């Protein structure tokens, strides 16, 4: 799992979110949402058989989508 976390942080690292420019953030959040919306994330092998509670509920997805939309609006307002 540590390898997966390290690899994931190479693509999207919220610890360094403030270091990214607006264009990079916008691309990251669009990619993130596409993976969640398509069901690619979370990965199936983190869910089965022991972590079914890690599955995102519809409410979780709605919260995430609202944040994505707000971040996209902020980035577009700056440009």
PDB file of N, CA and C in Angstrom:
ATOM      1  N   UNK A   1       0.827  -1.184   0.000  1.00  0.00           N
ATOM      2  CA  UNK A   1       0.000   0.000   0.000  1.00  0.00           C
ATOM      3  C   UNK A   1       0.876   1.254   0.000  1.00  0.00           C
ATOM      4  N   UNK A   2       2.003   1.235   0.693  1.00  0.00           N
ATOM      5  CA  UNK A   2       2.880   2.407   0.726  1.00  0.00           C
ATOM      6  C   UNK A   2       3.332   2.794  -0.678  1.00  0.00           C
ATOM      7  N   UNK A   3       3.594   1.791  -1.499  1.00  0.00           N
ATOM      8  CA  UNK A   3       3.997   2.066  -2.888  1.00  0.00           C
ATOM      9  C   UNK A   3       2.877   2.784  -3.635  1.00  0.00           C
ATOM     10  N   UNK A   4       1.649   2.342  -3.417  1.00  0.00           N
ATOM     11  CA  UNK A   4       0.507   2.973  -4.087  1.00  0.00           C
ATOM     12  C   UNK A   4       0.314   4.414  -3.623  1.00  0.00           C
ATOM     13  N   UNK A   5       0.522   4.665  -2.334  1.00  0.00           N
ATOM     14  CA  UNK A   5       0.403   6.031  -1.803  1.00  0.00           C
ATOM     15  C   UNK A   5       1.487   6.923  -2.415  1.00  0.00           C
ATOM     16  N   UNK A   6       2.712   6.421  -2.445  1.00  0.00           N
ATOM     17  CA  UNK A   6       3.819   7.184  -3.029  1.00  0.00           C
ATOM     18  C   UNK A   6       3.549   7.488  -4.496  1.00  0.00           C
ATOM     19  N   UNK A   7       3.093   6.491  -5.225  1.00  0.00           N
ATOM     20  CA  UNK A   7       2.792   6.682  -6.650  1.00  0.00           C
ATOM     21  C   UNK A   7       1.642   7.677  -6.831  1.00  0.00           C
ATOM     22  N   UNK A   8       0.613   7.552  -5.998  1.00  0.00           N
ATOM     23  CA  UNK A   8      -0.517   8.464  -6.082  1.00  0.00           C
ATOM     24  C   UNK A   8      -0.126   9.903  -5.809  1.00  0.00           C
ATOM     25  N   UNK A   9       0.753  10.101  -4.841  1.00  0.00           N
ATOM     26  CA  UNK A   9       1.197  11.454  -4.504  1.00  0.00           C
ATOM     27  C   UNK A   9       2.011  12.090  -5.620  1.00  0.00           C
ATOM     28  N   UNK A  10       2.596  11.279  -6.474  1.00  0.00           N
ATOM     29  CA  UNK A  10       3.314  11.823  -7.628  1.00  0.00           C
ATOM     30  C   UNK A  10       2.324  12.465  -8.601  1.00  0.00           C
ATOM     31  N   UNK A  11       1.083  12.009  -8.565  1.00  0.00           N
ATOM     32  CA  UNK A  11       0.056  12.541  -9.457  1.00  0.00           C
ATOM     33  C   UNK A  11      -0.777  13.637  -8.801  1.00  0.00           C
ATOM     34  N   UNK A  12      -1.063  13.462  -7.511  1.00  0.00           N
ATOM     35  CA  UNK A  12      -1.882  14.441  -6.797  1.00  0.00           C
ATOM     36  C   UNK A  12      -1.493  14.410  -5.328  1.00  0.00           C
ATOM     37  N   UNK A  13      -0.852  15.483  -4.872  1.00  0.00           N
ATOM     38  CA  UNK A  13      -0.381  15.548  -3.502  1.00  0.00           C
ATOM     39  C   UNK A  13      -0.961  16.793  -2.841  1.00  0.00           C
ATOM     40  N   UNK A  14      -1.959  16.586  -1.996  1.00  0.00           N
ATOM     41  CA  UNK A  14      -2.596  17.727  -1.346  1.00  0.00           C
ATOM     42  C   UNK A  14      -1.674  18.417  -0.356  1.00  0.00           C
ATOM     43  N   UNK A  15      -0.609  17.753   0.070  1.00  0.00           N
ATOM     44  CA  UNK A  15       0.375  18.401   0.947  1.00  0.00           C
ATOM     45  C   UNK A  15       1.129  19.498   0.208  1.00  0.00           C
ATOM     46  N   UNK A  16       1.164  19.398  -1.112  1.00  0.00           N
ATOM     47  CA  UNK A  16       1.852  20.399  -1.932  1.00  0.00           C
ATOM     48  C   UNK A  16       0.882  21.177  -2.823  1.00  0.00           C
ATOM     49  N   UNK A  17      -0.377  21.138  -2.470  1.00  0.00           N
ATOM     50  CA  UNK A  17      -1.433  21.767  -3.270  1.00  0.00           C
ATOM     51  C   UNK A  17      -1.154  23.255  -3.509  1.00  0.00           C
ATOM     52  N   UNK A  18      -0.674  23.950  -2.495  1.00  0.00           N
ATOM     53  CA  UNK A  18      -0.417  25.387  -2.612  1.00  0.00           C
ATOM     54  C   UNK A  18       0.774  25.706  -3.516  1.00  0.00           C
ATOM     55  N   UNK A  19       1.615  24.722  -3.777  1.00  0.00           N
ATOM     56  CA  UNK A  19       2.776  24.928  -4.640  1.00  0.00           C
ATOM     57  C   UNK A  19       2.428  24.834  -6.122  1.00  0.00           C
ATOM     58  N   UNK A  20       1.294  24.243  -6.437  1.00  0.00           N
ATOM     59  CA  UNK A  20       0.887  24.070  -7.831  1.00  0.00           C
ATOM     60  C   UNK A  20       0.262  25.359  -8.361  1.00  0.00           C
ATOM     61  N   UNK A  21       0.429  25.598  -9.658  1.00  0.00           N
ATOM     62  CA  UNK A  21      -0.235  26.767 -10.237  1.00  0.00           C
ATOM     63  C   UNK A  21      -1.686  26.406 -10.553  1.00  0.00           C
ATOM     64  N   UNK A  22      -2.483  27.412 -10.880  1.00  0.00           N
ATOM     65  CA  UNK A  22      -3.918  27.212 -11.095  1.00  0.00           C
ATOM     66  C   UNK A  22      -4.203  26.213 -12.215  1.00  0.00           C
ATOM     67  N   UNK A  23      -3.430  26.270 -13.272  1.00  0.00           N
ATOM     68  CA  UNK A  23      -3.650  25.358 -14.397  1.00  0.00           C
ATOM     69  C   UNK A  23      -3.417  23.907 -13.977  1.00  0.00           C
ATOM     70  N   UNK A  24      -2.355  23.680 -13.211  1.00  0.00           N
ATOM     71  CA  UNK A  24      -2.049  22.326 -12.740  1.00  0.00           C
ATOM     72  C   UNK A  24      -3.131  21.829 -11.781  1.00  0.00           C
ATOM     73  N   UNK A  25      -3.586  22.709 -10.890  1.00  0.00           N
ATOM     74  CA  UNK A  25      -4.659  22.327  -9.960  1.00  0.00           C
ATOM     75  C   UNK A  25      -5.926  21.967 -10.715  1.00  0.00           C
ATOM     76  N   UNK A  26      -6.266  22.771 -11.706  1.00  0.00           N
ATOM     77  CA  UNK A  26      -7.473  22.516 -12.482  1.00  0.00           C
ATOM     78  C   UNK A  26      -7.392  21.165 -13.184  1.00  0.00           C
ATOM     79  N   UNK A  27      -6.272  20.869 -13.773  1.00  0.00           N
ATOM     80  CA  UNK A  27      -6.082  19.582 -14.433  1.00  0.00           C
ATOM     81  C   UNK A  27      -6.171  18.438 -13.417  1.00  0.00           C
ATOM     82  N   UNK A  28      -5.544  18.618 -12.262  1.00  0.00           N
ATOM     83  CA  UNK A  28      -5.576  17.584 -11.222  1.00  0.00           C
ATOM     84  C   UNK A  28      -6.991  17.300 -10.745  1.00  0.00           C
ATOM     85  N   UNK A  29      -7.764  18.341 -10.475  1.00  0.00           N
ATOM     86  CA  UNK A  29      -9.110  18.091  -9.954  1.00  0.00           C
ATOM     87  C   UNK A  29     -10.023  17.518 -11.030  1.00  0.00           C
ATOM     88  N   UNK A  30      -9.832  17.915 -12.279  1.00  0.00           N
ATOM     89  CA  UNK A  30     -10.632  17.329 -13.346  1.00  0.00           C
ATOM     90  C   UNK A  30     -10.309  15.839 -13.500  1.00  0.00           C
ATOM     91  N   UNK A  31      -9.025  15.486 -13.453  1.00  0.00           N
ATOM     92  CA  UNK A  31      -8.621  14.087 -13.545  1.00  0.00           C
ATOM     93  C   UNK A  31      -9.131  13.284 -12.355  1.00  0.00           C
ATOM     94  N   UNK A  32      -9.044  13.877 -11.169  1.00  0.00           N
ATOM     95  CA  UNK A  32      -9.514  13.202  -9.966  1.00  0.00           C
ATOM     96  C   UNK A  32     -10.998  12.902 -10.072  1.00  0.00           C
ATOM     97  N   UNK A  33     -11.780  13.902 -10.462  1.00  0.00           N
ATOM     98  CA  UNK A  33     -13.222  13.703 -10.533  1.00  0.00           C
ATOM     99  C   UNK A  33     -13.577  12.659 -11.598  1.00  0.00           C
ATOM    100  N   UNK A  34     -12.905  12.689 -12.732  1.00  0.00           N
ATOM    101  CA  UNK A  34     -13.168  11.697 -13.778  1.00  0.00           C
ATOM    102  C   UNK A  34     -12.945  10.282 -13.258  1.00  0.00           C
ATOM    103  N   UNK A  35     -11.896  10.086 -12.470  1.00  0.00           N
ATOM    104  CA  UNK A  35     -11.612   8.755 -11.927  1.00  0.00           C
ATOM    105  C   UNK A  35     -12.657   8.329 -10.899  1.00  0.00           C
ATOM    106  N   UNK A  36     -13.107   9.253 -10.079  1.00  0.00           N
ATOM    107  CA  UNK A  36     -14.139   8.934  -9.097  1.00  0.00           C
ATOM    108  C   UNK A  36     -15.460   8.659  -9.811  1.00  0.00           C
ATOM    109  N   UNK A  37     -15.824   9.531 -10.731  1.00  0.00           N
ATOM    110  CA  UNK A  37     -17.102   9.405 -11.429  1.00  0.00           C
ATOM    111  C   UNK A  37     -17.183   8.103 -12.237  1.00  0.00           C
ATOM    112  N   UNK A  38     -16.069   7.708 -12.840  1.00  0.00           N
ATOM    113  CA  UNK A  38     -16.062   6.493 -13.659  1.00  0.00           C
ATOM    114  C   UNK A  38     -15.969   5.217 -12.828  1.00  0.00           C
ATOM    115  N   UNK A  39     -15.706   5.360 -11.532  1.00  0.00           N
ATOM    116  CA  UNK A  39     -15.594   4.196 -10.666  1.00  0.00           C
ATOM    117  C   UNK A  39     -14.186   3.627 -10.571  1.00  0.00           C
ATOM    118  N   UNK A  40     -13.221   4.316 -11.193  1.00  0.00           N
ATOM    119  CA  UNK A  40     -11.832   3.854 -11.120  1.00  0.00           C
ATOM    120  C   UNK A  40     -11.246   4.021  -9.720  1.00  0.00           C
ATOM    121  N   UNK A  41     -11.752   4.982  -8.972  1.00  0.00           N
ATOM    122  CA  UNK A  41     -11.259   5.240  -7.622  1.00  0.00           C
ATOM    123  C   UNK A  41     -12.430   5.208  -6.658  1.00  0.00           C
ATOM    124  N   UNK A  42     -12.275   4.673  -5.476  1.00  0.00           N
ATOM    125  CA  UNK A  42     -11.091   3.951  -5.040  1.00  0.00           C
ATOM    126  C   UNK A  42     -10.945   2.632  -5.784  1.00  0.00           C
ATOM    127  N   UNK A  43      -9.718   2.165  -5.867  1.00  0.00           N
ATOM    128  CA  UNK A  43      -9.428   0.917  -6.555  1.00  0.00           C
ATOM    129  C   UNK A  43     -10.151  -0.246  -5.874  1.00  0.00           C
ATOM    130  N   UNK A  44     -10.613  -1.207  -6.678  1.00  0.00           N
ATOM    131  CA  UNK A  44     -11.391  -2.327  -6.160  1.00  0.00           C
ATOM    132  C   UNK A  44     -10.637  -3.112  -5.096  1.00  0.00           C
ATOM    133  N   UNK A  45      -9.319  -3.250  -5.244  1.00  0.00           N
ATOM    134  CA  UNK A  45      -8.575  -4.091  -4.307  1.00  0.00           C
ATOM    135  C   UNK A  45      -8.418  -3.446  -2.936  1.00  0.00           C
ATOM    136  N   UNK A  46      -8.785  -2.161  -2.808  1.00  0.00           N
ATOM    137  CA  UNK A  46      -8.827  -1.542  -1.484  1.00  0.00           C
ATOM    138  C   UNK A  46     -10.194  -1.745  -0.833  1.00  0.00           C
ATOM    139  N   UNK A  47     -11.175  -2.064  -1.632  1.00  0.00           N
ATOM    140  CA  UNK A  47     -12.523  -2.236  -1.115  1.00  0.00           C
ATOM    141  C   UNK A  47     -12.812  -3.665  -0.674  1.00  0.00           C
ATOM    142  N   UNK A  48     -12.385  -4.625  -1.463  1.00  0.00           N
ATOM    143  CA  UNK A  48     -12.749  -6.022  -1.220  1.00  0.00           C
ATOM    144  C   UNK A  48     -11.570  -6.784  -0.664  1.00  0.00           C
ATOM    145  N   UNK A  49     -11.765  -7.690   0.239  1.00  0.00           N
ATOM    146  CA  UNK A  49     -13.023  -7.984   0.923  1.00  0.00           C
ATOM    147  C   UNK A  49     -13.185  -7.244   2.244  1.00  0.00           C
ATOM    148  N   UNK A  50     -12.152  -6.521   2.680  1.00  0.00           N
ATOM    149  CA  UNK A  50     -12.171  -6.022   4.059  1.00  0.00           C
ATOM    150  C   UNK A  50     -12.571  -4.566   4.225  1.00  0.00           C
ATOM    151  N   UNK A  51     -12.576  -3.766   3.198  1.00  0.00           N
ATOM    152  CA  UNK A  51     -12.786  -2.329   3.377  1.00  0.00           C
ATOM    153  C   UNK A  51     -13.964  -1.799   2.569  1.00  0.00           C
ATOM    154  N   UNK A  52     -15.072  -2.489   2.648  1.00  0.00           N
ATOM    155  CA  UNK A  52     -16.249  -2.038   1.900  1.00  0.00           C
ATOM    156  C   UNK A  52     -16.690  -0.639   2.301  1.00  0.00           C
ATOM    157  N   UNK A  53     -16.393  -0.252   3.525  1.00  0.00           N
ATOM    158  CA  UNK A  53     -16.788   1.088   3.982  1.00  0.00           C
ATOM    159  C   UNK A  53     -15.983   2.182   3.291  1.00  0.00           C
ATOM    160  N   UNK A  54     -14.919   1.818   2.583  1.00  0.00           N
ATOM    161  CA  UNK A  54     -14.130   2.811   1.846  1.00  0.00           C
ATOM    162  C   UNK A  54     -14.810   3.223   0.552  1.00  0.00           C
ATOM    163  N   UNK A  55     -15.856   2.511   0.169  1.00  0.00           N
ATOM    164  CA  UNK A  55     -16.605   2.875  -1.033  1.00  0.00           C
ATOM    165  C   UNK A  55     -17.233   4.246  -0.831  1.00  0.00           C
ATOM    166  N   UNK A  56     -17.190   5.067  -1.853  1.00  0.00           N
ATOM    167  CA  UNK A  56     -17.773   6.406  -1.759  1.00  0.00           C
ATOM    168  C   UNK A  56     -19.284   6.329  -1.936  1.00  0.00           C
ATOM    169  N   UNK A  57     -19.998   6.909  -1.008  1.00  0.00           N
ATOM    170  CA  UNK A  57     -21.455   6.968  -1.106  1.00  0.00           C
ATOM    171  C   UNK A  57     -21.845   8.065  -2.103  1.00  0.00           C
ATOM    172  N   UNK A  58     -23.112   8.097  -2.453  1.00  0.00           N
ATOM    173  CA  UNK A  58     -23.591   9.179  -3.325  1.00  0.00           C
ATOM    174  C   UNK A  58     -23.388  10.537  -2.657  1.00  0.00           C
ATOM    175  N   UNK A  59     -23.583  10.584  -1.333  1.00  0.00           N
ATOM    176  CA  UNK A  59     -23.372  11.842  -0.601  1.00  0.00           C
ATOM    177  C   UNK A  59     -21.894  12.237  -0.629  1.00  0.00           C
ATOM    178  N   UNK A  60     -20.999  11.252  -0.479  1.00  0.00           N
ATOM    179  CA  UNK A  60     -19.561  11.538  -0.568  1.00  0.00           C
ATOM    180  C   UNK A  60     -19.217  12.109  -1.937  1.00  0.00           C
ATOM    181  N   UNK A  61     -19.759  11.496  -2.972  1.00  0.00           N
ATOM    182  CA  UNK A  61     -19.483  11.954  -4.338  1.00  0.00           C
ATOM    183  C   UNK A  61     -20.042  13.353  -4.572  1.00  0.00           C
ATOM    184  N   UNK A  62     -21.216  13.627  -4.023  1.00  0.00           N
ATOM    185  CA  UNK A  62     -21.811  14.961  -4.170  1.00  0.00           C
ATOM    186  C   UNK A  62     -20.954  16.015  -3.474  1.00  0.00           C
ATOM    187  N   UNK A  63     -20.443  15.692  -2.297  1.00  0.00           N
ATOM    188  CA  UNK A  63     -19.562  16.611  -1.579  1.00  0.00           C
ATOM    189  C   UNK A  63     -18.290  16.870  -2.372  1.00  0.00           C
ATOM    190  N   UNK A  64     -17.710  15.814  -2.885  1.00  0.00           N
ATOM    191  CA  UNK A  64     -16.491  15.940  -3.679  1.00  0.00           C
ATOM    192  C   UNK A  64     -16.754  16.743  -4.949  1.00  0.00           C
ATOM    193  N   UNK A  65     -17.871  16.487  -5.602  1.00  0.00           N
ATOM    194  CA  UNK A  65     -18.211  17.207  -6.838  1.00  0.00           C
ATOM    195  C   UNK A  65     -18.415  18.694  -6.547  1.00  0.00           C
ATOM    196  N   UNK A  66     -19.038  19.016  -5.435  1.00  0.00           N
ATOM    197  CA  UNK A  66     -19.234  20.430  -5.065  1.00  0.00           C
ATOM    198  C   UNK A  66     -17.884  21.112  -4.855  1.00  0.00           C
ATOM    199  N   UNK A  67     -16.958  20.418  -4.209  1.00  0.00           N
ATOM    200  CA  UNK A  67     -15.625  20.982  -4.004  1.00  0.00           C
ATOM    201  C   UNK A  67     -14.914  21.161  -5.339  1.00  0.00           C
ATOM    202  N   UNK A  68     -14.991  20.156  -6.200  1.00  0.00           N
ATOM    203  CA  UNK A  68     -14.364  20.241  -7.526  1.00  0.00           C
ATOM    204  C   UNK A  68     -14.914  21.442  -8.287  1.00  0.00           C
ATOM    205  N   UNK A  69     -16.225  21.588  -8.292  1.00  0.00           N
ATOM    206  CA  UNK A  69     -16.845  22.709  -9.008  1.00  0.00           C
ATOM    207  C   UNK A  69     -16.412  24.053  -8.427  1.00  0.00           C
ATOM    208  N   UNK A  70     -16.316  24.138  -7.098  1.00  0.00           N
ATOM    209  CA  UNK A  70     -15.879  25.397  -6.459  1.00  0.00           C
ATOM    210  C   UNK A  70     -14.441  25.704  -6.810  1.00  0.00           C
ATOM    211  N   UNK A  71     -13.574  24.703  -6.799  1.00  0.00           N
ATOM    212  CA  UNK A  71     -12.160  24.911  -7.161  1.00  0.00           C
ATOM    213  C   UNK A  71     -12.030  25.315  -8.624  1.00  0.00           C
ATOM    214  N   UNK A  72     -12.812  24.720  -9.484  1.00  0.00           N
ATOM    215  CA  UNK A  72     -12.764  25.084 -10.899  1.00  0.00           C
ATOM    216  C   UNK A  72     -13.221  26.525 -11.078  1.00  0.00           C
ATOM    217  N   UNK A  73     -14.253  26.934 -10.361  1.00  0.00           N
ATOM    218  CA  UNK A  73     -14.743  28.305 -10.457  1.00  0.00           C
ATOM    219  C   UNK A  73     -13.688  29.299  -9.967  1.00  0.00           C
ATOM    220  N   UNK A  74     -12.999  28.960  -8.868  1.00  0.00           N
ATOM    221  CA  UNK A  74     -11.940  29.845  -8.358  1.00  0.00           C
ATOM    222  C   UNK A  74     -10.797  29.988  -9.369  1.00  0.00           C
ATOM    223  N   UNK A  75     -10.403  28.871  -9.952  1.00  0.00           N
ATOM    224  CA  UNK A  75      -9.296  28.901 -10.914  1.00  0.00           C
ATOM    225  C   UNK A  75      -9.677  29.710 -12.157  1.00  0.00           C
ATOM    226  N   UNK A  76     -10.896  29.542 -12.619  1.00  0.00           N
ATOM    227  CA  UNK A  76     -11.341  30.269 -13.809  1.00  0.00           C
ATOM    228  C   UNK A  76     -11.508  31.757 -13.532  1.00  0.00           C
ATOM    229  N   UNK A  77     -11.910  32.101 -12.306  1.00  0.00           N
ATOM    230  CA  UNK A  77     -12.079  33.505 -11.941  1.00  0.00           C
ATOM    231  C   UNK A  77     -10.736  34.242 -11.918  1.00  0.00           C
ATOM    232  N   UNK A  78      -9.669  33.524 -11.608  1.00  0.00           N
ATOM    233  CA  UNK A  78      -8.350  34.136 -11.576  1.00  0.00           C
ATOM    234  C   UNK A  78      -7.780  34.358 -12.979  1.00  0.00           C
ATOM    235  N   UNK A  79      -8.260  33.591 -13.921  1.00  0.00           N
ATOM    236  CA  UNK A  79      -7.668  33.690 -15.273  1.00  0.00           C
ATOM    237  C   UNK A  79      -8.382  34.682 -16.157  1.00  0.00           C
TER     238      UNK A  79
END
